[in-house]
Amino acid sequence: MKAQEDHLVSLQLATSKSDVYVKLEVLNHEEEVISAVGKGHVVLPAFIFRKNAASVEKTLKRPSSVMCRFSCSSELPLCA
């Protein structure tokens, strides 16, 4: 996702199986920015996706690319 403006969001994910562990991550260039772990559901109550500033992009030499991913496990809780 490449935000044109700053966006304050709340992310939540629920599964149909209440006994499965879920990890929700927000990544920036494959680097974890924030994550949360839950059983059956997971919530990131507030996160701001920042707009891409030209000055920041020149410093980084690549535009910001933020994505979300999740994983599930019926075994032990995933590391946070």
Protein backbone atom coordinates (compact mmCIF):
# COMPACT_ATOMS: atom_id res chain seq x y z
CA MET A 1 0.00 0.00 0.00
CA LYS A 2 1.26 3.46 -0.83
CA ALA A 3 -0.74 6.01 1.15
CA GLN A 4 -1.49 9.33 -0.53
CA GLU A 5 -2.48 10.83 2.84
CA ASP A 6 -1.93 9.79 6.46
CA HIS A 7 -4.50 7.18 7.55
CA LEU A 8 -5.30 6.22 11.14
CA VAL A 9 -6.57 2.64 11.04
CA SER A 10 -7.64 -0.14 13.37
CA LEU A 11 -6.85 -3.64 12.09
CA GLN A 12 -8.63 -6.73 13.33
CA LEU A 13 -8.79 -10.30 12.16
CA ALA A 14 -11.05 -13.10 13.40
CA THR A 15 -10.99 -16.78 12.52
CA SER A 16 -13.83 -19.28 12.43
CA LYS A 17 -11.79 -21.51 14.77
CA SER A 18 -11.54 -19.96 18.21
CA ASP A 19 -8.62 -22.15 19.29
CA VAL A 20 -6.14 -21.08 16.58
CA TYR A 21 -3.36 -18.58 17.33
CA VAL A 22 -3.15 -15.64 14.94
CA LYS A 23 -0.32 -13.16 14.36
CA LEU A 24 -1.04 -9.93 12.47
CA GLU A 25 1.95 -7.91 11.27
CA VAL A 26 2.42 -4.55 9.55
CA LEU A 27 5.56 -4.58 7.42
CA ASN A 28 7.59 -1.85 5.74
CA HIS A 29 9.96 -3.28 3.11
CA GLU A 30 9.67 -6.73 4.75
CA GLU A 31 10.66 -5.28 8.15
CA GLU A 32 8.11 -5.65 10.96
CA VAL A 33 6.81 -2.29 12.20
CA ILE A 34 4.17 -3.57 14.64
CA SER A 35 2.49 -6.89 15.39
CA ALA A 36 -0.06 -8.51 17.67
CA VAL A 37 -0.87 -12.11 18.59
CA GLY A 38 -4.24 -13.46 19.67
CA LYS A 39 -6.21 -16.68 20.01
CA GLY A 40 -9.12 -16.82 17.57
CA HIS A 41 -8.88 -13.09 16.92
CA VAL A 42 -6.29 -10.32 16.97
CA VAL A 43 -6.53 -6.52 17.07
CA LEU A 44 -4.12 -3.68 16.35
CA PRO A 45 -6.18 -0.86 17.91
CA ALA A 46 -4.47 2.08 16.19
CA PHE A 47 -1.82 2.46 13.52
CA ILE A 48 -1.03 5.39 11.23
CA PHE A 49 -0.09 4.64 7.64
CA ARG A 50 2.01 7.68 6.75
CA LYS A 51 1.89 9.28 3.32
CA ASN A 52 5.00 8.97 1.19
CA ALA A 53 7.00 12.17 1.54
CA ALA A 54 9.34 12.94 -1.38
CA SER A 55 12.16 14.01 0.95
CA VAL A 56 11.96 10.75 2.89
CA GLU A 57 11.92 8.74 -0.34
CA LYS A 58 15.08 10.49 -1.58
CA THR A 59 16.80 9.74 1.72
CA LEU A 60 15.76 6.08 1.62
CA LYS A 61 16.34 5.87 -2.17
CA ARG A 62 13.16 3.82 -2.41
CA PRO A 63 9.49 4.60 -1.73
CA SER A 64 7.82 3.32 1.38
CA SER A 65 5.85 0.15 0.77
CA VAL A 66 3.71 -0.96 3.72
CA MET A 67 1.79 -4.22 3.82
CA CYS A 68 -0.05 -6.38 6.32
CA ARG A 69 0.29 -10.13 6.71
CA PHE A 70 -1.09 -12.70 9.09
CA SER A 71 -0.24 -16.26 10.04
CA CYS A 72 -2.10 -18.94 11.98
CA SER A 73 -1.04 -21.88 14.12
CA SER A 74 -2.96 -24.42 16.17
CA GLU A 75 0.22 -25.14 18.16
CA LEU A 76 1.96 -22.94 20.72
CA PRO A 77 1.46 -19.15 20.51
CA LEU A 78 3.53 -17.37 17.90
CA CYS A 79 6.22 -15.00 19.12
CA ALA A 80 5.19 -11.36 19.30
